[in-house]
Amino acid sequence: MGLSKKDLSRKKANLKSRLAELEKKAKSDPLKKDKRLHEEIADLKKKIGAD
C-alpha cells in the first residue's frame, strides 16, 4: 500500500527539518572537511526534490 497524503507531507516535513539542522552545522564547515555531512545534505536535497 502507498502512503497517505498526510504521511507524505509528514515525511517531507521531517526531511526538511533534518536538512535545516544539517545546514546549520555545514555553515561552520565551509571547506567541506566533513564529507559525510555534505553528502547527507546532498542526499536529502535529492529526496525532497524527488517528491
PDB file of N, CA and C in Angstrom:
ATOM      1  N   MET A   1       0.827  -1.184   0.000  1.00  0.00           N
ATOM      2  CA  MET A   1       0.000   0.000   0.000  1.00  0.00           C
ATOM      3  C   MET A   1       0.870   1.247   0.000  1.00  0.00           C
ATOM      4  N   GLY A   2       0.350   2.268  -0.628  1.00  0.00           N
ATOM      5  CA  GLY A   2       1.069   3.535  -0.673  1.00  0.00           C
ATOM      6  C   GLY A   2       0.836   4.353   0.584  1.00  0.00           C
ATOM      7  N   LEU A   3       1.565   5.423   0.695  1.00  0.00           N
ATOM      8  CA  LEU A   3       1.429   6.319   1.836  1.00  0.00           C
ATOM      9  C   LEU A   3       0.292   7.310   1.591  1.00  0.00           C
ATOM     10  N   SER A   4      -0.387   7.690   2.653  1.00  0.00           N
ATOM     11  CA  SER A   4      -1.448   8.680   2.535  1.00  0.00           C
ATOM     12  C   SER A   4      -0.826  10.066   2.343  1.00  0.00           C
ATOM     13  N   LYS A   5      -1.662  11.016   1.950  1.00  0.00           N
ATOM     14  CA  LYS A   5      -1.175  12.383   1.766  1.00  0.00           C
ATOM     15  C   LYS A   5      -0.605  12.943   3.066  1.00  0.00           C
ATOM     16  N   LYS A   6      -1.253  12.603   4.169  1.00  0.00           N
ATOM     17  CA  LYS A   6      -0.783  13.080   5.475  1.00  0.00           C
ATOM     18  C   LYS A   6       0.591  12.497   5.790  1.00  0.00           C
ATOM     19  N   ASP A   7       0.775  11.208   5.509  1.00  0.00           N
ATOM     20  CA  ASP A   7       2.065  10.573   5.756  1.00  0.00           C
ATOM     21  C   ASP A   7       3.149  11.159   4.861  1.00  0.00           C
ATOM     22  N   LEU A   8       2.819  11.417   3.604  1.00  0.00           N
ATOM     23  CA  LEU A   8       3.795  12.003   2.684  1.00  0.00           C
ATOM     24  C   LEU A   8       4.205  13.400   3.125  1.00  0.00           C
ATOM     25  N   SER A   9       3.231  14.201   3.558  1.00  0.00           N
ATOM     26  CA  SER A   9       3.571  15.563   3.991  1.00  0.00           C
ATOM     27  C   SER A   9       4.385  15.523   5.282  1.00  0.00           C
ATOM     28  N   ARG A  10       4.085  14.582   6.171  1.00  0.00           N
ATOM     29  CA  ARG A  10       4.855  14.447   7.411  1.00  0.00           C
ATOM     30  C   ARG A  10       6.292  14.017   7.099  1.00  0.00           C
ATOM     31  N   LYS A  11       6.437  13.092   6.170  1.00  0.00           N
ATOM     32  CA  LYS A  11       7.772  12.605   5.785  1.00  0.00           C
ATOM     33  C   LYS A  11       8.601  13.740   5.184  1.00  0.00           C
ATOM     34  N   LYS A  12       7.975  14.527   4.306  1.00  0.00           N
ATOM     35  CA  LYS A  12       8.678  15.638   3.670  1.00  0.00           C
ATOM     36  C   LYS A  12       9.051  16.710   4.693  1.00  0.00           C
ATOM     37  N   ALA A  13       8.168  16.961   5.648  1.00  0.00           N
ATOM     38  CA  ALA A  13       8.443  17.945   6.696  1.00  0.00           C
ATOM     39  C   ALA A  13       9.617  17.482   7.556  1.00  0.00           C
ATOM     40  N   ASN A  14       9.671  16.192   7.856  1.00  0.00           N
ATOM     41  CA  ASN A  14      10.786  15.658   8.645  1.00  0.00           C
ATOM     42  C   ASN A  14      12.098  15.789   7.883  1.00  0.00           C
ATOM     43  N   LEU A  15      12.066  15.528   6.576  1.00  0.00           N
ATOM     44  CA  LEU A  15      13.274  15.674   5.765  1.00  0.00           C
ATOM     45  C   LEU A  15      13.743  17.128   5.743  1.00  0.00           C
ATOM     46  N   LYS A  16      12.796  18.050   5.620  1.00  0.00           N
ATOM     47  CA  LYS A  16      13.153  19.467   5.580  1.00  0.00           C
ATOM     48  C   LYS A  16      13.736  19.939   6.905  1.00  0.00           C
ATOM     49  N   SER A  17      13.180  19.463   8.005  1.00  0.00           N
ATOM     50  CA  SER A  17      13.712  19.883   9.305  1.00  0.00           C
ATOM     51  C   SER A  17      15.109  19.307   9.519  1.00  0.00           C
ATOM     52  N   ARG A  18      15.336  18.071   9.098  1.00  0.00           N
ATOM     53  CA  ARG A  18      16.665  17.452   9.200  1.00  0.00           C
ATOM     54  C   ARG A  18      17.667  18.212   8.328  1.00  0.00           C
ATOM     55  N   LEU A  19      17.232  18.611   7.133  1.00  0.00           N
ATOM     56  CA  LEU A  19      18.088  19.369   6.227  1.00  0.00           C
ATOM     57  C   LEU A  19      18.470  20.709   6.848  1.00  0.00           C
ATOM     58  N   ALA A  20      17.515  21.394   7.457  1.00  0.00           N
ATOM     59  CA  ALA A  20      17.804  22.687   8.089  1.00  0.00           C
ATOM     60  C   ALA A  20      18.808  22.519   9.224  1.00  0.00           C
ATOM     61  N   GLU A  21      18.651  21.446   9.984  1.00  0.00           N
ATOM     62  CA  GLU A  21      19.571  21.166  11.091  1.00  0.00           C
ATOM     63  C   GLU A  21      20.994  20.913  10.577  1.00  0.00           C
ATOM     64  N   LEU A  22      21.100  20.148   9.504  1.00  0.00           N
ATOM     65  CA  LEU A  22      22.415  19.834   8.949  1.00  0.00           C
ATOM     66  C   LEU A  22      23.063  21.052   8.294  1.00  0.00           C
ATOM     67  N   GLU A  23      22.251  21.914   7.679  1.00  0.00           N
ATOM     68  CA  GLU A  23      22.807  23.108   7.044  1.00  0.00           C
ATOM     69  C   GLU A  23      23.398  24.064   8.072  1.00  0.00           C
ATOM     70  N   LYS A  24      22.840  24.089   9.283  1.00  0.00           N
ATOM     71  CA  LYS A  24      23.426  24.912  10.345  1.00  0.00           C
ATOM     72  C   LYS A  24      24.819  24.408  10.687  1.00  0.00           C
ATOM     73  N   LYS A  25      24.972  23.082  10.739  1.00  0.00           N
ATOM     74  CA  LYS A  25      26.288  22.503  11.023  1.00  0.00           C
ATOM     75  C   LYS A  25      27.243  22.742   9.864  1.00  0.00           C
ATOM     76  N   ALA A  26      26.732  22.708   8.645  1.00  0.00           N
ATOM     77  CA  ALA A  26      27.576  22.873   7.464  1.00  0.00           C
ATOM     78  C   ALA A  26      28.120  24.292   7.348  1.00  0.00           C
ATOM     79  N   LYS A  27      27.429  25.261   7.900  1.00  0.00           N
ATOM     80  CA  LYS A  27      27.915  26.642   7.847  1.00  0.00           C
ATOM     81  C   LYS A  27      29.217  26.805   8.616  1.00  0.00           C
ATOM     82  N   SER A  28      29.411  25.971   9.629  1.00  0.00           N
ATOM     83  CA  SER A  28      30.652  26.044  10.401  1.00  0.00           C
ATOM     84  C   SER A  28      31.759  25.211   9.757  1.00  0.00           C
ATOM     85  N   ASP A  29      31.476  24.592   8.623  1.00  0.00           N
ATOM     86  CA  ASP A  29      32.447  23.762   7.903  1.00  0.00           C
ATOM     87  C   ASP A  29      32.505  24.194   6.431  1.00  0.00           C
ATOM     88  N   PRO A  30      32.954  25.435   6.147  1.00  0.00           N
ATOM     89  CA  PRO A  30      32.933  25.934   4.771  1.00  0.00           C
ATOM     90  C   PRO A  30      33.904  25.220   3.827  1.00  0.00           C
ATOM     91  N   LEU A  31      34.933  24.585   4.359  1.00  0.00           N
ATOM     92  CA  LEU A  31      35.911  23.912   3.496  1.00  0.00           C
ATOM     93  C   LEU A  31      35.517  22.471   3.186  1.00  0.00           C
ATOM     94  N   LYS A  32      34.363  22.060   3.662  1.00  0.00           N
ATOM     95  CA  LYS A  32      33.818  20.716   3.419  1.00  0.00           C
ATOM     96  C   LYS A  32      34.770  19.614   3.869  1.00  0.00           C
ATOM     97  N   LYS A  33      35.330  19.763   5.062  1.00  0.00           N
ATOM     98  CA  LYS A  33      36.212  18.733   5.599  1.00  0.00           C
ATOM     99  C   LYS A  33      35.417  17.527   6.075  1.00  0.00           C
ATOM    100  N   ASP A  34      34.170  17.743   6.501  1.00  0.00           N
ATOM    101  CA  ASP A  34      33.308  16.642   6.931  1.00  0.00           C
ATOM    102  C   ASP A  34      32.478  16.192   5.720  1.00  0.00           C
ATOM    103  N   LYS A  35      33.041  15.294   4.925  1.00  0.00           N
ATOM    104  CA  LYS A  35      32.405  14.869   3.684  1.00  0.00           C
ATOM    105  C   LYS A  35      31.062  14.186   3.917  1.00  0.00           C
ATOM    106  N   ARG A  36      30.963  13.409   4.998  1.00  0.00           N
ATOM    107  CA  ARG A  36      29.724  12.680   5.267  1.00  0.00           C
ATOM    108  C   ARG A  36      28.559  13.647   5.478  1.00  0.00           C
ATOM    109  N   LEU A  37      28.814  14.741   6.175  1.00  0.00           N
ATOM    110  CA  LEU A  37      27.801  15.754   6.427  1.00  0.00           C
ATOM    111  C   LEU A  37      27.288  16.347   5.121  1.00  0.00           C
ATOM    112  N   HIS A  38      28.203  16.712   4.251  1.00  0.00           N
ATOM    113  CA  HIS A  38      27.827  17.337   2.985  1.00  0.00           C
ATOM    114  C   HIS A  38      27.175  16.335   2.030  1.00  0.00           C
ATOM    115  N   GLU A  39      27.571  15.072   2.101  1.00  0.00           N
ATOM    116  CA  GLU A  39      26.923  14.049   1.281  1.00  0.00           C
ATOM    117  C   GLU A  39      25.490  13.822   1.740  1.00  0.00           C
ATOM    118  N   GLU A  40      25.277  13.836   3.052  1.00  0.00           N
ATOM    119  CA  GLU A  40      23.931  13.652   3.581  1.00  0.00           C
ATOM    120  C   GLU A  40      23.033  14.823   3.197  1.00  0.00           C
ATOM    121  N   ILE A  41      23.569  16.027   3.194  1.00  0.00           N
ATOM    122  CA  ILE A  41      22.798  17.201   2.778  1.00  0.00           C
ATOM    123  C   ILE A  41      22.387  17.069   1.317  1.00  0.00           C
ATOM    124  N   ALA A  42      23.318  16.652   0.465  1.00  0.00           N
ATOM    125  CA  ALA A  42      23.012  16.475  -0.950  1.00  0.00           C
ATOM    126  C   ALA A  42      21.949  15.392  -1.144  1.00  0.00           C
ATOM    127  N   ASP A  43      22.045  14.321  -0.377  1.00  0.00           N
ATOM    128  CA  ASP A  43      21.085  13.230  -0.477  1.00  0.00           C
ATOM    129  C   ASP A  43      19.691  13.691  -0.054  1.00  0.00           C
ATOM    130  N   LEU A  44      19.607  14.450   1.036  1.00  0.00           N
ATOM    131  CA  LEU A  44      18.308  14.947   1.489  1.00  0.00           C
ATOM    132  C   LEU A  44      17.695  15.900   0.472  1.00  0.00           C
ATOM    133  N   LYS A  45      18.514  16.758  -0.127  1.00  0.00           N
ATOM    134  CA  LYS A  45      18.003  17.679  -1.148  1.00  0.00           C
ATOM    135  C   LYS A  45      17.450  16.906  -2.334  1.00  0.00           C
ATOM    136  N   LYS A  46      18.122  15.808  -2.687  1.00  0.00           N
ATOM    137  CA  LYS A  46      17.652  14.984  -3.795  1.00  0.00           C
ATOM    138  C   LYS A  46      16.324  14.314  -3.454  1.00  0.00           C
ATOM    139  N   LYS A  47      16.193  13.820  -2.224  1.00  0.00           N
ATOM    140  CA  LYS A  47      14.953  13.165  -1.790  1.00  0.00           C
ATOM    141  C   LYS A  47      13.793  14.160  -1.750  1.00  0.00           C
ATOM    142  N   ILE A  48      14.041  15.359  -1.263  1.00  0.00           N
ATOM    143  CA  ILE A  48      12.982  16.373  -1.190  1.00  0.00           C
ATOM    144  C   ILE A  48      12.559  16.791  -2.604  1.00  0.00           C
ATOM    145  N   GLY A  49      13.518  16.926  -3.501  1.00  0.00           N
ATOM    146  CA  GLY A  49      13.220  17.311  -4.869  1.00  0.00           C
ATOM    147  C   GLY A  49      12.475  16.235  -5.642  1.00  0.00           C
ATOM    148  N   ALA A  50      12.675  14.975  -5.285  1.00  0.00           N
ATOM    149  CA  ALA A  50      12.034  13.876  -5.992  1.00  0.00           C
ATOM    150  C   ALA A  50      10.555  13.759  -5.623  1.00  0.00           C
ATOM    151  N   ASP A  51      10.182  14.260  -4.450  1.00  0.00           N
ATOM    152  CA  ASP A  51       8.782  14.143  -4.003  1.00  0.00           C
ATOM    153  C   ASP A  51       7.881  15.124  -4.685  1.00  0.00           C
TER     154      ASP A  51
END
